[in-house]
Amino acid sequence: MQINSERAATACGLVAILLWSTAAGLIRSVSERFGPLGGAALIYTLGAVLLFVLLGRPRVRSTSWFYLIVGSALFVAYEVCLSLALGYASNRNQAIELGVVNYLWPCLTVLLAIVMNGQKARWMIVPGTALALFGILWVVSGNGLSLATVVTNVNSNPLSYSLAVGCAITFALYCNVTRRYAGGQNLVMLFFALTAGVLWLKYAVSGELIPAFTLNSSAQLVAAGVAMAGGYALWNLGILRGNLTLLATASYSAPVLSSAFAALWLGAHLTAQFWQGAVLVTAGSLMCWQATRQRRQDG
């Protein structure tokens, strides 16, 4: 899959965001049928096979050892954190909420791009980021803005919330490390295989049992594998050759898209405050994008 122009690569990244918007709901659905570990292991095994078909064998020899080790570690950590955060959520509503917490990563990606890769941005990046973070707090608070409520909600399932925050940090680092050190190489197929291996190891010592496959559960598994594999195949093209800042800020819309799909798919009823928080995250992204556009125009 060869993409030569920045515009085409950026378009691939935008399509990836749409595919990923279906992933949270599908991962939760698959985990309910096959278990948090078994379901995730099946998704990434299928994803690795699909990526091998789409992208072929990764060219490991032409990749730096630093990226091979650090990129692999960050990617595997993110995917394990994401799948288990959603799988271990107390209920479907909490799984959707954790999906929004995971979307702190676009904000962190832009901030780390300034530090790690010299991305230039105007002062509006600060209120834009603050607005996005406030949106996350508004979602987690659930009923008005109360620190006590936020703490109570987090304490109700500290493992899943910690994993969701870990998702945001590790994926933001992964995006910037890939941009700087990948050398144009797309190793996502290898990363998926490593993730599947780690999940199968955890499954082997967990005591989980995968139930019999049915037509419905198999179809959902295939849908999740396609969404994840297709999303990453396109996203890596985007961050390697496209406009990273545009993709990071555009991905702020994913909380709304992901929550809407998950609510429909899982039959969850979300409050008005939840949607307000998701919209605030998107509004913050627009401010961040405006800040980077102004800087680029001045330069």
C-alpha atoms as a PDB file:
ATOM      1  CA  MET A   1       0.000   0.000   0.000  1.00  0.00           C
ATOM      2  CA  GLN A   2       1.966   2.981  -1.305  1.00  0.00           C
ATOM      3  CA  ILE A   3       0.957   6.553  -0.516  1.00  0.00           C
ATOM      4  CA  ASN A   4       3.209   9.267  -1.900  1.00  0.00           C
ATOM      5  CA  SER A   5       1.478  12.603  -1.275  1.00  0.00           C
ATOM      6  CA  GLU A   6       0.896  14.234   2.103  1.00  0.00           C
ATOM      7  CA  ARG A   7      -2.730  14.940   1.223  1.00  0.00           C
ATOM      8  CA  ALA A   8      -3.471  11.294   0.404  1.00  0.00           C
ATOM      9  CA  ALA A   9      -1.684  10.117   3.541  1.00  0.00           C
ATOM     10  CA  THR A  10      -3.667  12.571   5.647  1.00  0.00           C
ATOM     11  CA  ALA A  11      -6.891  11.295   4.066  1.00  0.00           C
ATOM     12  CA  CYS A  12      -5.902   7.750   5.051  1.00  0.00           C
ATOM     13  CA  GLY A  13      -5.476   8.940   8.632  1.00  0.00           C
ATOM     14  CA  LEU A  14      -8.921  10.543   8.623  1.00  0.00           C
ATOM     15  CA  VAL A  15     -10.541   7.310   7.385  1.00  0.00           C
ATOM     16  CA  ALA A  16      -8.694   5.486  10.161  1.00  0.00           C
ATOM     17  CA  ILE A  17     -10.388   7.742  12.714  1.00  0.00           C
ATOM     18  CA  LEU A  18     -13.788   6.710  11.331  1.00  0.00           C
ATOM     19  CA  LEU A  19     -12.886   3.027  11.555  1.00  0.00           C
ATOM     20  CA  TRP A  20     -11.588   3.438  15.094  1.00  0.00           C
ATOM     21  CA  SER A  21     -14.841   5.110  16.058  1.00  0.00           C
ATOM     22  CA  THR A  22     -16.468   1.690  15.789  1.00  0.00           C
ATOM     23  CA  ALA A  23     -13.720  -0.121  17.693  1.00  0.00           C
ATOM     24  CA  ALA A  24     -14.652   0.605  21.325  1.00  0.00           C
ATOM     25  CA  GLY A  25     -18.198  -0.673  20.954  1.00  0.00           C
ATOM     26  CA  LEU A  26     -17.054  -3.731  19.019  1.00  0.00           C
ATOM     27  CA  ILE A  27     -14.255  -4.593  21.482  1.00  0.00           C
ATOM     28  CA  ARG A  28     -16.693  -4.405  24.386  1.00  0.00           C
ATOM     29  CA  SER A  29     -19.203  -6.538  22.501  1.00  0.00           C
ATOM     30  CA  VAL A  30     -16.604  -9.184  21.642  1.00  0.00           C
ATOM     31  CA  SER A  31     -15.282  -9.222  25.234  1.00  0.00           C
ATOM     32  CA  GLU A  32     -18.791  -9.943  26.513  1.00  0.00           C
ATOM     33  CA  ARG A  33     -18.930 -13.029  24.281  1.00  0.00           C
ATOM     34  CA  PHE A  34     -15.363 -14.358  24.510  1.00  0.00           C
ATOM     35  CA  GLY A  35     -14.054 -12.782  27.742  1.00  0.00           C
ATOM     36  CA  PRO A  36     -11.799  -9.727  28.213  1.00  0.00           C
ATOM     37  CA  LEU A  37      -8.546 -11.593  27.481  1.00  0.00           C
ATOM     38  CA  GLY A  38      -9.811 -14.234  25.069  1.00  0.00           C
ATOM     39  CA  GLY A  39     -11.812 -11.727  23.055  1.00  0.00           C
ATOM     40  CA  ALA A  40      -8.914  -9.296  22.800  1.00  0.00           C
ATOM     41  CA  ALA A  41      -6.473 -12.070  21.838  1.00  0.00           C
ATOM     42  CA  LEU A  42      -8.823 -13.231  19.082  1.00  0.00           C
ATOM     43  CA  ILE A  43      -9.264  -9.675  17.751  1.00  0.00           C
ATOM     44  CA  TYR A  44      -5.535  -9.010  17.495  1.00  0.00           C
ATOM     45  CA  THR A  45      -4.778 -12.436  16.052  1.00  0.00           C
ATOM     46  CA  LEU A  46      -7.320 -11.844  13.300  1.00  0.00           C
ATOM     47  CA  GLY A  47      -6.035  -8.279  12.893  1.00  0.00           C
ATOM     48  CA  ALA A  48      -2.458  -9.530  12.455  1.00  0.00           C
ATOM     49  CA  VAL A  49      -3.573 -11.919   9.714  1.00  0.00           C
ATOM     50  CA  LEU A  50      -5.515  -9.168   7.920  1.00  0.00           C
ATOM     51  CA  LEU A  51      -2.571  -6.770   8.141  1.00  0.00           C
ATOM     52  CA  PHE A  52      -0.245  -9.411   6.728  1.00  0.00           C
ATOM     53  CA  VAL A  53      -2.588  -9.698   3.741  1.00  0.00           C
ATOM     54  CA  LEU A  54      -2.903  -5.899   3.364  1.00  0.00           C
ATOM     55  CA  LEU A  55       0.656  -4.806   4.077  1.00  0.00           C
ATOM     56  CA  GLY A  56       2.779  -7.912   3.659  1.00  0.00           C
ATOM     57  CA  ARG A  57       5.746  -8.891   5.797  1.00  0.00           C
ATOM     58  CA  PRO A  58       7.274  -5.976   7.731  1.00  0.00           C
ATOM     59  CA  ARG A  59      10.806  -4.971   6.737  1.00  0.00           C
ATOM     60  CA  VAL A  60      12.401  -5.315  10.145  1.00  0.00           C
ATOM     61  CA  ARG A  61      16.020  -5.276   8.935  1.00  0.00           C
ATOM     62  CA  SER A  62      15.725  -1.702   7.618  1.00  0.00           C
ATOM     63  CA  THR A  63      14.308  -0.420  10.924  1.00  0.00           C
ATOM     64  CA  SER A  64      16.396   0.964  13.767  1.00  0.00           C
ATOM     65  CA  TRP A  65      16.695  -1.198  16.872  1.00  0.00           C
ATOM     66  CA  PHE A  66      15.531   1.732  18.983  1.00  0.00           C
ATOM     67  CA  TYR A  67      12.217   1.998  17.146  1.00  0.00           C
ATOM     68  CA  LEU A  68      11.834  -1.761  16.958  1.00  0.00           C
ATOM     69  CA  ILE A  69      12.084  -2.040  20.745  1.00  0.00           C
ATOM     70  CA  VAL A  70      10.463   1.200  21.925  1.00  0.00           C
ATOM     71  CA  GLY A  71       7.775   1.310  19.223  1.00  0.00           C
ATOM     72  CA  SER A  72       6.837  -2.306  19.888  1.00  0.00           C
ATOM     73  CA  ALA A  73       6.678  -1.773  23.644  1.00  0.00           C
ATOM     74  CA  LEU A  74       4.508   1.356  23.381  1.00  0.00           C
ATOM     75  CA  PHE A  75       2.122  -0.186  20.848  1.00  0.00           C
ATOM     76  CA  VAL A  76       1.664  -3.424  22.775  1.00  0.00           C
ATOM     77  CA  ALA A  77       1.190  -1.524  26.037  1.00  0.00           C
ATOM     78  CA  TYR A  78      -1.485   0.672  24.465  1.00  0.00           C
ATOM     79  CA  GLU A  79      -3.446  -2.162  22.896  1.00  0.00           C
ATOM     80  CA  VAL A  80      -3.359  -4.332  26.013  1.00  0.00           C
ATOM     81  CA  CYS A  81      -4.450  -1.373  28.159  1.00  0.00           C
ATOM     82  CA  LEU A  82      -7.277  -0.468  25.768  1.00  0.00           C
ATOM     83  CA  SER A  83      -8.729  -3.936  25.349  1.00  0.00           C
ATOM     84  CA  LEU A  84      -8.593  -4.720  29.059  1.00  0.00           C
ATOM     85  CA  ALA A  85      -9.945  -1.314  30.124  1.00  0.00           C
ATOM     86  CA  LEU A  86     -13.020  -1.887  27.963  1.00  0.00           C
ATOM     87  CA  GLY A  87     -13.279  -5.583  28.789  1.00  0.00           C
ATOM     88  CA  TYR A  88     -13.069  -5.086  32.562  1.00  0.00           C
ATOM     89  CA  ALA A  89     -15.482  -2.125  32.640  1.00  0.00           C
ATOM     90  CA  SER A  90     -18.274  -2.686  35.154  1.00  0.00           C
ATOM     91  CA  ASN A  91     -20.992  -2.146  32.552  1.00  0.00           C
ATOM     92  CA  ARG A  92     -21.543  -0.914  29.005  1.00  0.00           C
ATOM     93  CA  ASN A  93     -22.002   2.719  29.999  1.00  0.00           C
ATOM     94  CA  GLN A  94     -18.706   2.693  31.864  1.00  0.00           C
ATOM     95  CA  ALA A  95     -17.011   1.088  28.857  1.00  0.00           C
ATOM     96  CA  ILE A  96     -18.160   4.003  26.679  1.00  0.00           C
ATOM     97  CA  GLU A  97     -16.993   6.480  29.322  1.00  0.00           C
ATOM     98  CA  LEU A  98     -13.581   4.809  29.455  1.00  0.00           C
ATOM     99  CA  GLY A  99     -13.418   5.075  25.679  1.00  0.00           C
ATOM    100  CA  VAL A 100     -13.692   8.855  26.033  1.00  0.00           C
ATOM    101  CA  VAL A 101     -10.970   8.917  28.711  1.00  0.00           C
ATOM    102  CA  ASN A 102      -8.747   7.073  26.254  1.00  0.00           C
ATOM    103  CA  TYR A 103      -9.217  10.026  23.886  1.00  0.00           C
ATOM    104  CA  LEU A 104      -6.929  12.147  25.987  1.00  0.00           C
ATOM    105  CA  TRP A 105      -4.267  10.831  23.602  1.00  0.00           C
ATOM    106  CA  PRO A 106      -4.852  13.394  20.801  1.00  0.00           C
ATOM    107  CA  CYS A 107      -4.313  16.228  23.270  1.00  0.00           C
ATOM    108  CA  LEU A 108      -1.160  14.597  24.589  1.00  0.00           C
ATOM    109  CA  THR A 109       0.044  13.852  21.054  1.00  0.00           C
ATOM    110  CA  VAL A 110      -0.021  17.547  20.124  1.00  0.00           C
ATOM    111  CA  LEU A 111       1.683  18.563  23.362  1.00  0.00           C
ATOM    112  CA  LEU A 112       4.381  15.921  22.983  1.00  0.00           C
ATOM    113  CA  ALA A 113       4.860  16.882  19.328  1.00  0.00           C
ATOM    114  CA  ILE A 114       5.818  20.374  20.526  1.00  0.00           C
ATOM    115  CA  VAL A 115       8.379  18.926  22.945  1.00  0.00           C
ATOM    116  CA  MET A 116       9.685  15.958  20.971  1.00  0.00           C
ATOM    117  CA  ASN A 117       9.364  16.959  17.325  1.00  0.00           C
ATOM    118  CA  GLY A 118       9.506  20.762  17.345  1.00  0.00           C
ATOM    119  CA  GLN A 119       5.889  21.306  16.290  1.00  0.00           C
ATOM    120  CA  LYS A 120       5.058  25.031  16.340  1.00  0.00           C
ATOM    121  CA  ALA A 121       1.779  26.303  17.753  1.00  0.00           C
ATOM    122  CA  ARG A 122       0.271  29.559  19.040  1.00  0.00           C
ATOM    123  CA  TRP A 123      -0.994  30.266  22.526  1.00  0.00           C
ATOM    124  CA  MET A 124      -4.484  28.992  21.649  1.00  0.00           C
ATOM    125  CA  ILE A 125      -3.158  25.480  22.104  1.00  0.00           C
ATOM    126  CA  VAL A 126      -3.359  26.078  25.874  1.00  0.00           C
ATOM    127  CA  PRO A 127      -7.085  26.956  26.204  1.00  0.00           C
ATOM    128  CA  GLY A 128      -7.892  24.369  23.524  1.00  0.00           C
ATOM    129  CA  THR A 129      -6.175  21.644  25.504  1.00  0.00           C
ATOM    130  CA  ALA A 130      -7.757  22.887  28.746  1.00  0.00           C
ATOM    131  CA  LEU A 131     -11.219  22.739  27.164  1.00  0.00           C
ATOM    132  CA  ALA A 132     -10.624  19.177  25.968  1.00  0.00           C
ATOM    133  CA  LEU A 133      -9.445  18.124  29.422  1.00  0.00           C
ATOM    134  CA  PHE A 134     -12.456  19.796  31.023  1.00  0.00           C
ATOM    135  CA  GLY A 135     -14.668  17.820  28.655  1.00  0.00           C
ATOM    136  CA  ILE A 136     -13.114  14.589  29.929  1.00  0.00           C
ATOM    137  CA  LEU A 137     -13.734  15.632  33.539  1.00  0.00           C
ATOM    138  CA  TRP A 138     -17.314  16.582  32.646  1.00  0.00           C
ATOM    139  CA  VAL A 139     -17.872  13.095  31.233  1.00  0.00           C
ATOM    140  CA  VAL A 140     -16.337  11.276  34.212  1.00  0.00           C
ATOM    141  CA  SER A 141     -18.129  13.457  36.786  1.00  0.00           C
ATOM    142  CA  GLY A 142     -21.488  12.224  35.515  1.00  0.00           C
ATOM    143  CA  ASN A 143     -23.740  14.664  37.406  1.00  0.00           C
ATOM    144  CA  GLY A 144     -22.500  18.237  37.560  1.00  0.00           C
ATOM    145  CA  LEU A 145     -18.839  18.997  38.165  1.00  0.00           C
ATOM    146  CA  SER A 146     -17.848  17.460  41.470  1.00  0.00           C
ATOM    147  CA  LEU A 147     -14.378  16.272  42.425  1.00  0.00           C
ATOM    148  CA  ALA A 148     -15.935  13.896  44.926  1.00  0.00           C
ATOM    149  CA  THR A 149     -18.051  12.322  42.185  1.00  0.00           C
ATOM    150  CA  VAL A 150     -15.043  11.952  39.909  1.00  0.00           C
ATOM    151  CA  VAL A 151     -13.088  10.255  42.707  1.00  0.00           C
ATOM    152  CA  THR A 152     -16.038   7.981  43.514  1.00  0.00           C
ATOM    153  CA  ASN A 153     -16.439   6.938  39.881  1.00  0.00           C
ATOM    154  CA  VAL A 154     -12.727   6.232  39.497  1.00  0.00           C
ATOM    155  CA  ASN A 155     -12.607   4.297  42.769  1.00  0.00           C
ATOM    156  CA  SER A 156     -15.497   2.131  41.591  1.00  0.00           C
ATOM    157  CA  ASN A 157     -13.161   0.563  39.027  1.00  0.00           C
ATOM    158  CA  PRO A 158      -9.605   1.883  39.484  1.00  0.00           C
ATOM    159  CA  LEU A 159      -8.090  -0.803  37.236  1.00  0.00           C
ATOM    160  CA  SER A 160     -10.095   0.169  34.165  1.00  0.00           C
ATOM    161  CA  TYR A 161      -9.657   3.924  34.707  1.00  0.00           C
ATOM    162  CA  SER A 162      -5.915   3.503  35.239  1.00  0.00           C
ATOM    163  CA  LEU A 163      -5.680   1.432  32.069  1.00  0.00           C
ATOM    164  CA  ALA A 164      -7.616   4.088  30.121  1.00  0.00           C
ATOM    165  CA  VAL A 165      -5.231   6.842  31.263  1.00  0.00           C
ATOM    166  CA  GLY A 166      -2.329   4.558  30.393  1.00  0.00           C
ATOM    167  CA  CYS A 167      -3.822   4.234  26.913  1.00  0.00           C
ATOM    168  CA  ALA A 168      -3.731   7.993  26.391  1.00  0.00           C
ATOM    169  CA  ILE A 169      -0.108   8.335  27.496  1.00  0.00           C
ATOM    170  CA  THR A 170       1.329   5.350  25.637  1.00  0.00           C
ATOM    171  CA  PHE A 171      -0.403   6.053  22.325  1.00  0.00           C
ATOM    172  CA  ALA A 172       0.601   9.720  22.337  1.00  0.00           C
ATOM    173  CA  LEU A 173       4.194   8.609  22.852  1.00  0.00           C
ATOM    174  CA  TYR A 174       3.837   5.956  20.148  1.00  0.00           C
ATOM    175  CA  CYS A 175       2.612   8.482  17.574  1.00  0.00           C
ATOM    176  CA  ASN A 176       5.528  10.831  18.151  1.00  0.00           C
ATOM    177  CA  VAL A 177       8.161   8.092  18.400  1.00  0.00           C
ATOM    178  CA  THR A 178       6.849   6.611  15.141  1.00  0.00           C
ATOM    179  CA  ARG A 179       6.973   9.981  13.426  1.00  0.00           C
ATOM    180  CA  ARG A 180      10.565  10.590  14.498  1.00  0.00           C
ATOM    181  CA  TYR A 181      12.225   7.174  14.492  1.00  0.00           C
ATOM    182  CA  ALA A 182      10.280   4.809  12.210  1.00  0.00           C
ATOM    183  CA  GLY A 183      12.220   5.911   9.136  1.00  0.00           C
ATOM    184  CA  GLY A 184       9.152   5.502   6.952  1.00  0.00           C
ATOM    185  CA  GLN A 185       8.706   1.837   7.918  1.00  0.00           C
ATOM    186  CA  ASN A 186       5.253   0.509   8.793  1.00  0.00           C
ATOM    187  CA  LEU A 187       5.603  -2.266  11.387  1.00  0.00           C
ATOM    188  CA  VAL A 188       1.989  -2.339  12.544  1.00  0.00           C
ATOM    189  CA  MET A 189       1.551  -5.958  11.384  1.00  0.00           C
ATOM    190  CA  LEU A 190       4.458  -7.000  13.635  1.00  0.00           C
ATOM    191  CA  PHE A 191       3.040  -4.922  16.487  1.00  0.00           C
ATOM    192  CA  PHE A 192      -0.363  -6.627  16.157  1.00  0.00           C
ATOM    193  CA  ALA A 193       1.283 -10.066  16.233  1.00  0.00           C
ATOM    194  CA  LEU A 194       3.252  -9.119  19.363  1.00  0.00           C
ATOM    195  CA  THR A 195       0.073  -7.783  21.012  1.00  0.00           C
ATOM    196  CA  ALA A 196      -1.758 -11.016  20.199  1.00  0.00           C
ATOM    197  CA  GLY A 197       1.128 -13.006  21.672  1.00  0.00           C
ATOM    198  CA  VAL A 198       1.114 -11.045  24.926  1.00  0.00           C
ATOM    199  CA  LEU A 199      -2.660 -11.403  25.241  1.00  0.00           C
ATOM    200  CA  TRP A 200      -2.540 -15.155  24.590  1.00  0.00           C
ATOM    201  CA  LEU A 201       0.127 -15.509  27.287  1.00  0.00           C
ATOM    202  CA  LYS A 202      -2.069 -13.604  29.748  1.00  0.00           C
ATOM    203  CA  TYR A 203      -5.051 -15.722  28.670  1.00  0.00           C
ATOM    204  CA  ALA A 204      -3.106 -18.948  29.270  1.00  0.00           C
ATOM    205  CA  VAL A 205      -2.566 -18.106  32.939  1.00  0.00           C
ATOM    206  CA  SER A 206      -5.909 -16.408  33.550  1.00  0.00           C
ATOM    207  CA  GLY A 207      -8.282 -19.332  33.825  1.00  0.00           C
ATOM    208  CA  GLU A 208     -10.616 -17.823  31.210  1.00  0.00           C
ATOM    209  CA  LEU A 209     -12.357 -20.187  28.807  1.00  0.00           C
ATOM    210  CA  ILE A 210     -13.416 -19.146  25.297  1.00  0.00           C
ATOM    211  CA  PRO A 211     -16.993 -20.301  24.623  1.00  0.00           C
ATOM    212  CA  ALA A 212     -18.116 -21.969  21.403  1.00  0.00           C
ATOM    213  CA  PHE A 213     -18.237 -19.759  18.333  1.00  0.00           C
ATOM    214  CA  THR A 214     -21.637 -18.776  16.961  1.00  0.00           C
ATOM    215  CA  LEU A 215     -22.513 -16.999  13.737  1.00  0.00           C
ATOM    216  CA  ASN A 216     -23.308 -13.794  15.627  1.00  0.00           C
ATOM    217  CA  SER A 217     -20.187 -13.801  17.811  1.00  0.00           C
ATOM    218  CA  SER A 218     -17.981 -14.688  14.832  1.00  0.00           C
ATOM    219  CA  ALA A 219     -19.423 -11.838  12.771  1.00  0.00           C
ATOM    220  CA  GLN A 220     -18.740  -9.374  15.586  1.00  0.00           C
ATOM    221  CA  LEU A 221     -15.200 -10.708  15.934  1.00  0.00           C
ATOM    222  CA  VAL A 222     -14.562 -10.216  12.215  1.00  0.00           C
ATOM    223  CA  ALA A 223     -16.014  -6.682  12.354  1.00  0.00           C
ATOM    224  CA  ALA A 224     -13.760  -5.776  15.288  1.00  0.00           C
ATOM    225  CA  GLY A 225     -10.697  -7.242  13.591  1.00  0.00           C
ATOM    226  CA  VAL A 226     -11.399  -5.346  10.370  1.00  0.00           C
ATOM    227  CA  ALA A 227     -11.997  -2.065  12.225  1.00  0.00           C
ATOM    228  CA  MET A 228      -8.770  -2.371  14.219  1.00  0.00           C
ATOM    229  CA  ALA A 229      -6.534  -3.698  11.429  1.00  0.00           C
ATOM    230  CA  GLY A 230      -7.918  -1.359   8.768  1.00  0.00           C
ATOM    231  CA  GLY A 231      -7.697   1.599  11.121  1.00  0.00           C
ATOM    232  CA  TYR A 232      -4.058   0.961  11.963  1.00  0.00           C
ATOM    233  CA  ALA A 233      -3.033   0.218   8.396  1.00  0.00           C
ATOM    234  CA  LEU A 234      -4.372   3.615   7.353  1.00  0.00           C
ATOM    235  CA  TRP A 235      -3.316   5.481  10.516  1.00  0.00           C
ATOM    236  CA  ASN A 236       0.319   4.505  10.229  1.00  0.00           C
ATOM    237  CA  LEU A 237       0.341   5.771   6.647  1.00  0.00           C
ATOM    238  CA  GLY A 238      -1.129   9.016   7.956  1.00  0.00           C
ATOM    239  CA  ILE A 239       1.347   9.624  10.763  1.00  0.00           C
ATOM    240  CA  LEU A 240       4.338   8.544   8.668  1.00  0.00           C
ATOM    241  CA  ARG A 241       3.634  10.765   5.638  1.00  0.00           C
ATOM    242  CA  GLY A 242       0.660  12.989   6.448  1.00  0.00           C
ATOM    243  CA  ASN A 243      -0.033  16.060   8.576  1.00  0.00           C
ATOM    244  CA  LEU A 244       0.369  14.702  12.121  1.00  0.00           C
ATOM    245  CA  THR A 245      -1.025  17.773  13.837  1.00  0.00           C
ATOM    246  CA  LEU A 246      -4.135  17.825  11.639  1.00  0.00           C
ATOM    247  CA  LEU A 247      -4.721  14.133  12.267  1.00  0.00           C
ATOM    248  CA  ALA A 248      -4.232  14.506  16.016  1.00  0.00           C
ATOM    249  CA  THR A 249      -6.619  17.437  16.273  1.00  0.00           C
ATOM    250  CA  ALA A 250      -9.170  15.891  13.881  1.00  0.00           C
ATOM    251  CA  SER A 251      -9.179  12.800  16.061  1.00  0.00           C
ATOM    252  CA  TYR A 252     -10.746  14.906  18.806  1.00  0.00           C
ATOM    253  CA  SER A 253     -14.031  14.289  16.986  1.00  0.00           C
ATOM    254  CA  ALA A 254     -13.626  10.565  17.631  1.00  0.00           C
ATOM    255  CA  PRO A 255     -15.097  10.679  21.171  1.00  0.00           C
ATOM    256  CA  VAL A 256     -18.422  11.843  19.747  1.00  0.00           C
ATOM    257  CA  LEU A 257     -18.350   9.385  16.839  1.00  0.00           C
ATOM    258  CA  SER A 258     -17.163   6.499  19.003  1.00  0.00           C
ATOM    259  CA  SER A 259     -19.709   7.172  21.744  1.00  0.00           C
ATOM    260  CA  ALA A 260     -22.548   7.490  19.231  1.00  0.00           C
ATOM    261  CA  PHE A 261     -21.693   4.185  17.580  1.00  0.00           C
ATOM    262  CA  ALA A 262     -21.120   2.399  20.890  1.00  0.00           C
ATOM    263  CA  ALA A 263     -24.397   3.706  22.324  1.00  0.00           C
ATOM    264  CA  LEU A 264     -26.301   2.410  19.294  1.00  0.00           C
ATOM    265  CA  TRP A 265     -24.395  -0.863  19.074  1.00  0.00           C
ATOM    266  CA  LEU A 266     -24.531  -1.700  22.778  1.00  0.00           C
ATOM    267  CA  GLY A 267     -27.964  -0.210  23.452  1.00  0.00           C
ATOM    268  CA  ALA A 268     -26.570   2.107  26.141  1.00  0.00           C
ATOM    269  CA  HIS A 269     -28.394   5.232  27.312  1.00  0.00           C
ATOM    270  CA  LEU A 270     -26.026   8.169  27.785  1.00  0.00           C
ATOM    271  CA  THR A 271     -26.837  11.339  29.697  1.00  0.00           C
ATOM    272  CA  ALA A 272     -26.958  14.849  28.300  1.00  0.00           C
ATOM    273  CA  GLN A 273     -23.875  15.705  30.373  1.00  0.00           C
ATOM    274  CA  PHE A 274     -21.948  12.886  28.729  1.00  0.00           C
ATOM    275  CA  TRP A 275     -22.681  14.289  25.269  1.00  0.00           C
ATOM    276  CA  GLN A 276     -21.837  17.807  26.438  1.00  0.00           C
ATOM    277  CA  GLY A 277     -18.434  16.570  27.592  1.00  0.00           C
ATOM    278  CA  ALA A 278     -17.793  14.775  24.310  1.00  0.00           C
ATOM    279  CA  VAL A 279     -18.684  17.951  22.377  1.00  0.00           C
ATOM    280  CA  LEU A 280     -16.362  20.009  24.601  1.00  0.00           C
ATOM    281  CA  VAL A 281     -13.519  17.669  23.684  1.00  0.00           C
ATOM    282  CA  THR A 282     -14.287  18.275  20.017  1.00  0.00           C
ATOM    283  CA  ALA A 283     -14.483  22.052  20.524  1.00  0.00           C
ATOM    284  CA  GLY A 284     -11.088  21.995  22.201  1.00  0.00           C
ATOM    285  CA  SER A 285      -9.678  20.209  19.162  1.00  0.00           C
ATOM    286  CA  LEU A 286     -10.909  22.950  16.857  1.00  0.00           C
ATOM    287  CA  MET A 287      -9.102  25.554  18.956  1.00  0.00           C
ATOM    288  CA  CYS A 288      -5.919  23.492  18.809  1.00  0.00           C
ATOM    289  CA  TRP A 289      -6.220  23.167  15.048  1.00  0.00           C
ATOM    290  CA  GLN A 290      -6.804  26.902  14.660  1.00  0.00           C
ATOM    291  CA  ALA A 291      -3.661  27.556  16.685  1.00  0.00           C
ATOM    292  CA  THR A 292      -1.529  25.360  14.441  1.00  0.00           C
ATOM    293  CA  ARG A 293      -3.090  26.771  11.262  1.00  0.00           C
ATOM    294  CA  GLN A 294      -2.267  30.353  12.309  1.00  0.00           C
ATOM    295  CA  ARG A 295       1.341  29.427  12.971  1.00  0.00           C
ATOM    296  CA  ARG A 296       1.670  27.670   9.633  1.00  0.00           C
ATOM    297  CA  GLN A 297       0.195  30.619   7.755  1.00  0.00           C
ATOM    298  CA  ASP A 298       2.518  33.078   9.474  1.00  0.00           C
ATOM    299  CA  GLY A 299       5.531  30.927   8.673  1.00  0.00           C
END
